[in-house]
PDB file of N, CA and C in Angstrom:
ATOM      1  N   MET A   1     -24.647  -3.546  10.340  1.00  0.00           N
ATOM      2  CA  MET A   1     -24.756  -3.688   8.904  1.00  0.00           C
ATOM      3  C   MET A   1     -24.401  -2.358   8.263  1.00  0.00           C
ATOM      4  N   TYR A   2     -23.603  -2.431   7.230  1.00  0.00           N
ATOM      5  CA  TYR A   2     -23.243  -1.233   6.485  1.00  0.00           C
ATOM      6  C   TYR A   2     -24.374  -0.837   5.553  1.00  0.00           C
ATOM      7  N   TYR A   3     -24.432   0.435   5.209  1.00  0.00           N
ATOM      8  CA  TYR A   3     -25.460   0.925   4.288  1.00  0.00           C
ATOM      9  C   TYR A   3     -25.441   0.121   2.989  1.00  0.00           C
ATOM     10  N   THR A   4     -24.237  -0.194   2.505  1.00  0.00           N
ATOM     11  CA  THR A   4     -24.124  -0.909   1.234  1.00  0.00           C
ATOM     12  C   THR A   4     -24.601  -2.344   1.325  1.00  0.00           C
ATOM     13  N   ASP A   5     -24.765  -2.878   2.506  1.00  0.00           N
ATOM     14  CA  ASP A   5     -25.234  -4.252   2.690  1.00  0.00           C
ATOM     15  C   ASP A   5     -26.761  -4.362   2.730  1.00  0.00           C
ATOM     16  N   ARG A   6     -27.456  -3.242   2.707  1.00  0.00           N
ATOM     17  CA  ARG A   6     -28.915  -3.297   2.859  1.00  0.00           C
ATOM     18  C   ARG A   6     -29.581  -4.105   1.757  1.00  0.00           C
ATOM     19  N   GLY A   7     -29.137  -3.937   0.525  1.00  0.00           N
ATOM     20  CA  GLY A   7     -29.711  -4.709  -0.577  1.00  0.00           C
ATOM     21  C   GLY A   7     -29.432  -6.189  -0.442  1.00  0.00           C
ATOM     22  N   ILE A   8     -28.242  -6.513   0.025  1.00  0.00           N
ATOM     23  CA  ILE A   8     -27.881  -7.918   0.230  1.00  0.00           C
ATOM     24  C   ILE A   8     -28.748  -8.513   1.331  1.00  0.00           C
ATOM     25  N   GLU A   9     -28.924  -7.776   2.394  1.00  0.00           N
ATOM     26  CA  GLU A   9     -29.774  -8.247   3.491  1.00  0.00           C
ATOM     27  C   GLU A   9     -31.223  -8.413   3.023  1.00  0.00           C
ATOM     28  N   GLU A  10     -31.721  -7.479   2.236  1.00  0.00           N
ATOM     29  CA  GLU A  10     -33.092  -7.593   1.729  1.00  0.00           C
ATOM     30  C   GLU A  10     -33.228  -8.818   0.833  1.00  0.00           C
ATOM     31  N   LEU A  11     -32.249  -9.035  -0.022  1.00  0.00           N
ATOM     32  CA  LEU A  11     -32.262 -10.212  -0.885  1.00  0.00           C
ATOM     33  C   LEU A  11     -32.313 -11.482  -0.050  1.00  0.00           C
ATOM     34  N   ASN A  12     -31.506 -11.547   0.979  1.00  0.00           N
ATOM     35  CA  ASN A  12     -31.482 -12.716   1.839  1.00  0.00           C
ATOM     36  C   ASN A  12     -32.808 -12.909   2.557  1.00  0.00           C
ATOM     37  N   GLN A  13     -33.400 -11.835   3.041  1.00  0.00           N
ATOM     38  CA  GLN A  13     -34.670 -11.930   3.761  1.00  0.00           C
ATOM     39  C   GLN A  13     -35.821 -12.323   2.839  1.00  0.00           C
ATOM     40  N   ARG A  14     -35.880 -11.719   1.666  1.00  0.00           N
ATOM     41  CA  ARG A  14     -37.006 -11.952   0.764  1.00  0.00           C
ATOM     42  C   ARG A  14     -36.895 -13.259  -0.019  1.00  0.00           C
ATOM     43  N   ARG A  15     -35.682 -13.629  -0.410  1.00  0.00           N
ATOM     44  CA  ARG A  15     -35.534 -14.752  -1.329  1.00  0.00           C
ATOM     45  C   ARG A  15     -34.557 -15.803  -0.827  1.00  0.00           C
ATOM     46  N   GLY A  16     -34.140 -15.691   0.434  1.00  0.00           N
ATOM     47  CA  GLY A  16     -33.113 -16.558   0.975  1.00  0.00           C
ATOM     48  C   GLY A  16     -33.453 -18.039   0.994  1.00  0.00           C
ATOM     49  N   ASP A  17     -34.726 -18.378   0.974  1.00  0.00           N
ATOM     50  CA  ASP A  17     -35.120 -19.787   1.003  1.00  0.00           C
ATOM     51  C   ASP A  17     -35.274 -20.389  -0.391  1.00  0.00           C
ATOM     52  N   GLU A  18     -35.168 -19.562  -1.425  1.00  0.00           N
ATOM     53  CA  GLU A  18     -35.338 -20.052  -2.791  1.00  0.00           C
ATOM     54  C   GLU A  18     -34.058 -20.701  -3.304  1.00  0.00           C
ATOM     55  N   GLU A  19     -34.224 -21.615  -4.225  1.00  0.00           N
ATOM     56  CA  GLU A  19     -33.082 -22.204  -4.917  1.00  0.00           C
ATOM     57  C   GLU A  19     -33.130 -21.736  -6.358  1.00  0.00           C
ATOM     58  N   VAL A  20     -31.991 -21.268  -6.849  1.00  0.00           N
ATOM     59  CA  VAL A  20     -31.905 -20.805  -8.233  1.00  0.00           C
ATOM     60  C   VAL A  20     -30.670 -21.425  -8.883  1.00  0.00           C
ATOM     61  N   THR A  21     -30.679 -21.456 -10.193  1.00  0.00           N
ATOM     62  CA  THR A  21     -29.511 -21.947 -10.912  1.00  0.00           C
ATOM     63  C   THR A  21     -28.600 -20.774 -11.242  1.00  0.00           C
ATOM     64  N   LEU A  22     -27.371 -21.084 -11.563  1.00  0.00           N
ATOM     65  CA  LEU A  22     -26.456 -20.033 -11.992  1.00  0.00           C
ATOM     66  C   LEU A  22     -26.888 -19.469 -13.335  1.00  0.00           C
ATOM     67  N   ALA A  23     -27.526 -20.268 -14.162  1.00  0.00           N
ATOM     68  CA  ALA A  23     -28.055 -19.772 -15.435  1.00  0.00           C
ATOM     69  C   ALA A  23     -29.130 -18.716 -15.178  1.00  0.00           C
ATOM     70  N   TRP A  24     -29.990 -18.950 -14.197  1.00  0.00           N
ATOM     71  CA  TRP A  24     -31.021 -17.972 -13.843  1.00  0.00           C
ATOM     72  C   TRP A  24     -30.361 -16.679 -13.369  1.00  0.00           C
ATOM     73  N   LEU A  25     -29.353 -16.800 -12.505  1.00  0.00           N
ATOM     74  CA  LEU A  25     -28.645 -15.626 -12.000  1.00  0.00           C
ATOM     75  C   LEU A  25     -27.979 -14.873 -13.144  1.00  0.00           C
ATOM     76  N   ALA A  26     -27.337 -15.586 -14.047  1.00  0.00           N
ATOM     77  CA  ALA A  26     -26.691 -14.942 -15.191  1.00  0.00           C
ATOM     78  C   ALA A  26     -27.711 -14.179 -16.025  1.00  0.00           C
ATOM     79  N   ASP A  27     -28.875 -14.761 -16.236  1.00  0.00           N
ATOM     80  CA  ASP A  27     -29.931 -14.071 -16.995  1.00  0.00           C
ATOM     81  C   ASP A  27     -30.382 -12.798 -16.286  1.00  0.00           C
ATOM     82  N   ARG A  28     -30.513 -12.839 -14.957  1.00  0.00           N
ATOM     83  CA  ARG A  28     -30.917 -11.644 -14.212  1.00  0.00           C
ATOM     84  C   ARG A  28     -29.839 -10.568 -14.286  1.00  0.00           C
ATOM     85  N   LEU A  29     -28.558 -10.963 -14.226  1.00  0.00           N
ATOM     86  CA  LEU A  29     -27.470  -9.991 -14.324  1.00  0.00           C
ATOM     87  C   LEU A  29     -27.446  -9.338 -15.702  1.00  0.00           C
ATOM     88  N   ILE A  30     -27.703 -10.123 -16.740  1.00  0.00           N
ATOM     89  CA  ILE A  30     -27.786  -9.561 -18.090  1.00  0.00           C
ATOM     90  C   ILE A  30     -28.941  -8.571 -18.179  1.00  0.00           C
ATOM     91  N   GLU A  31     -30.097  -8.941 -17.653  1.00  0.00           N
ATOM     92  CA  GLU A  31     -31.253  -8.031 -17.655  1.00  0.00           C
ATOM     93  C   GLU A  31     -30.917  -6.733 -16.919  1.00  0.00           C
ATOM     94  N   PHE A  32     -30.258  -6.860 -15.782  1.00  0.00           N
ATOM     95  CA  PHE A  32     -29.914  -5.688 -14.984  1.00  0.00           C
ATOM     96  C   PHE A  32     -28.989  -4.754 -15.755  1.00  0.00           C
ATOM     97  N   THR A  33     -27.962  -5.312 -16.392  1.00  0.00           N
ATOM     98  CA  THR A  33     -27.023  -4.449 -17.117  1.00  0.00           C
ATOM     99  C   THR A  33     -27.650  -3.878 -18.384  1.00  0.00           C
ATOM    100  N   ASP A  34     -28.646  -4.549 -18.939  1.00  0.00           N
ATOM    101  CA  ASP A  34     -29.370  -3.969 -20.076  1.00  0.00           C
ATOM    102  C   ASP A  34     -30.140  -2.724 -19.647  1.00  0.00           C
ATOM    103  N   VAL A  35     -30.722  -2.768 -18.456  1.00  0.00           N
ATOM    104  CA  VAL A  35     -31.498  -1.642 -17.936  1.00  0.00           C
ATOM    105  C   VAL A  35     -30.586  -0.571 -17.338  1.00  0.00           C
ATOM    106  N   HIS A  36     -29.476  -1.002 -16.744  1.00  0.00           N
ATOM    107  CA  HIS A  36     -28.549  -0.092 -16.051  1.00  0.00           C
ATOM    108  C   HIS A  36     -27.127  -0.286 -16.600  1.00  0.00           C
ATOM    109  N   PRO A  37     -26.860   0.157 -17.815  1.00  0.00           N
ATOM    110  CA  PRO A  37     -25.542  -0.088 -18.419  1.00  0.00           C
ATOM    111  C   PRO A  37     -24.386   0.546 -17.651  1.00  0.00           C
ATOM    112  N   GLU A  38     -24.665   1.540 -16.836  1.00  0.00           N
ATOM    113  CA  GLU A  38     -23.600   2.171 -16.046  1.00  0.00           C
ATOM    114  C   GLU A  38     -23.012   1.226 -15.005  1.00  0.00           C
ATOM    115  N   PHE A  39     -23.700   0.123 -14.720  1.00  0.00           N
ATOM    116  CA  PHE A  39     -23.211  -0.863 -13.752  1.00  0.00           C
ATOM    117  C   PHE A  39     -22.589  -2.081 -14.420  1.00  0.00           C
ATOM    118  N   GLU A  40     -22.375  -2.029 -15.724  1.00  0.00           N
ATOM    119  CA  GLU A  40     -21.857  -3.192 -16.442  1.00  0.00           C
ATOM    120  C   GLU A  40     -20.499  -3.646 -15.905  1.00  0.00           C
ATOM    121  N   VAL A  41     -19.582  -2.720 -15.659  1.00  0.00           N
ATOM    122  CA  VAL A  41     -18.240  -3.102 -15.208  1.00  0.00           C
ATOM    123  C   VAL A  41     -18.283  -3.809 -13.853  1.00  0.00           C
ATOM    124  N   PRO A  42     -18.943  -3.256 -12.826  1.00  0.00           N
ATOM    125  CA  PRO A  42     -18.958  -3.990 -11.543  1.00  0.00           C
ATOM    126  C   PRO A  42     -19.699  -5.324 -11.625  1.00  0.00           C
ATOM    127  N   ILE A  43     -20.746  -5.393 -12.433  1.00  0.00           N
ATOM    128  CA  ILE A  43     -21.469  -6.662 -12.581  1.00  0.00           C
ATOM    129  C   ILE A  43     -20.578  -7.690 -13.268  1.00  0.00           C
ATOM    130  N   GLU A  44     -19.846  -7.262 -14.285  1.00  0.00           N
ATOM    131  CA  GLU A  44     -18.914  -8.166 -14.957  1.00  0.00           C
ATOM    132  C   GLU A  44     -17.822  -8.640 -14.007  1.00  0.00           C
ATOM    133  N   ARG A  45     -17.332  -7.749 -13.154  1.00  0.00           N
ATOM    134  CA  ARG A  45     -16.315  -8.138 -12.167  1.00  0.00           C
ATOM    135  C   ARG A  45     -16.867  -9.143 -11.175  1.00  0.00           C
ATOM    136  N   LEU A  46     -18.091  -8.918 -10.716  1.00  0.00           N
ATOM    137  CA  LEU A  46     -18.729  -9.864  -9.799  1.00  0.00           C
ATOM    138  C   LEU A  46     -18.903 -11.215 -10.477  1.00  0.00           C
ATOM    139  N   ALA A  47     -19.398 -11.223 -11.698  1.00  0.00           N
ATOM    140  CA  ALA A  47     -19.617 -12.476 -12.418  1.00  0.00           C
ATOM    141  C   ALA A  47     -18.297 -13.223 -12.616  1.00  0.00           C
ATOM    142  N   THR A  48     -17.244 -12.510 -12.973  1.00  0.00           N
ATOM    143  CA  THR A  48     -15.936 -13.136 -13.155  1.00  0.00           C
ATOM    144  C   THR A  48     -15.425 -13.703 -11.840  1.00  0.00           C
ATOM    145  N   TRP A  49     -15.585 -12.949 -10.775  1.00  0.00           N
ATOM    146  CA  TRP A  49     -15.154 -13.410  -9.454  1.00  0.00           C
ATOM    147  C   TRP A  49     -15.905 -14.685  -9.058  1.00  0.00           C
ATOM    148  N   LEU A  50     -17.225 -14.691  -9.259  1.00  0.00           N
ATOM    149  CA  LEU A  50     -18.012 -15.876  -8.937  1.00  0.00           C
ATOM    150  C   LEU A  50     -17.601 -17.073  -9.795  1.00  0.00           C
ATOM    151  N   ALA A  51     -17.351 -16.827 -11.073  1.00  0.00           N
ATOM    152  CA  ALA A  51     -16.972 -17.904 -11.985  1.00  0.00           C
ATOM    153  C   ALA A  51     -15.643 -18.530 -11.606  1.00  0.00           C
ATOM    154  N   ARG A  52     -14.751 -17.739 -11.018  1.00  0.00           N
ATOM    155  CA  ARG A  52     -13.396 -18.216 -10.738  1.00  0.00           C
ATOM    156  C   ARG A  52     -13.136 -18.521  -9.264  1.00  0.00           C
ATOM    157  N   LEU A  53     -14.165 -18.654  -8.463  1.00  0.00           N
ATOM    158  CA  LEU A  53     -13.971 -18.882  -7.026  1.00  0.00           C
ATOM    159  C   LEU A  53     -13.064 -20.070  -6.725  1.00  0.00           C
ATOM    160  N   ASP A  54     -13.173 -21.120  -7.485  1.00  0.00           N
ATOM    161  CA  ASP A  54     -12.397 -22.329  -7.221  1.00  0.00           C
ATOM    162  C   ASP A  54     -11.094 -22.382  -7.994  1.00  0.00           C
ATOM    163  N   ASP A  55     -10.768 -21.325  -8.727  1.00  0.00           N
ATOM    164  CA  ASP A  55      -9.546 -21.285  -9.519  1.00  0.00           C
ATOM    165  C   ASP A  55      -8.369 -20.961  -8.604  1.00  0.00           C
ATOM    166  N   PRO A  56      -7.417 -21.883  -8.468  1.00  0.00           N
ATOM    167  CA  PRO A  56      -6.305 -21.659  -7.541  1.00  0.00           C
ATOM    168  C   PRO A  56      -5.399 -20.485  -7.943  1.00  0.00           C
ATOM    169  N   GLU A  57      -5.445 -20.046  -9.195  1.00  0.00           N
ATOM    170  CA  GLU A  57      -4.593 -18.947  -9.642  1.00  0.00           C
ATOM    171  C   GLU A  57      -5.132 -17.588  -9.245  1.00  0.00           C
ATOM    172  N   ASP A  58      -6.394 -17.503  -8.867  1.00  0.00           N
ATOM    173  CA  ASP A  58      -6.977 -16.198  -8.506  1.00  0.00           C
ATOM    174  C   ASP A  58      -6.953 -15.983  -7.036  1.00  0.00           C
TER     175      ASP A  58
END
């Protein structure tokens, strides 16, 4: 596991059995960027990537 994957692994271990909606996730991402505005660009890129996963043009 890479150092950068530690948060992802922790998320999976702690909350991996939970079911959430995309609306819930979007609300958490908004909260995160409100508290940490320096991460707005990567969070926006992640959100856009997730939104367009099934888009054949991307």
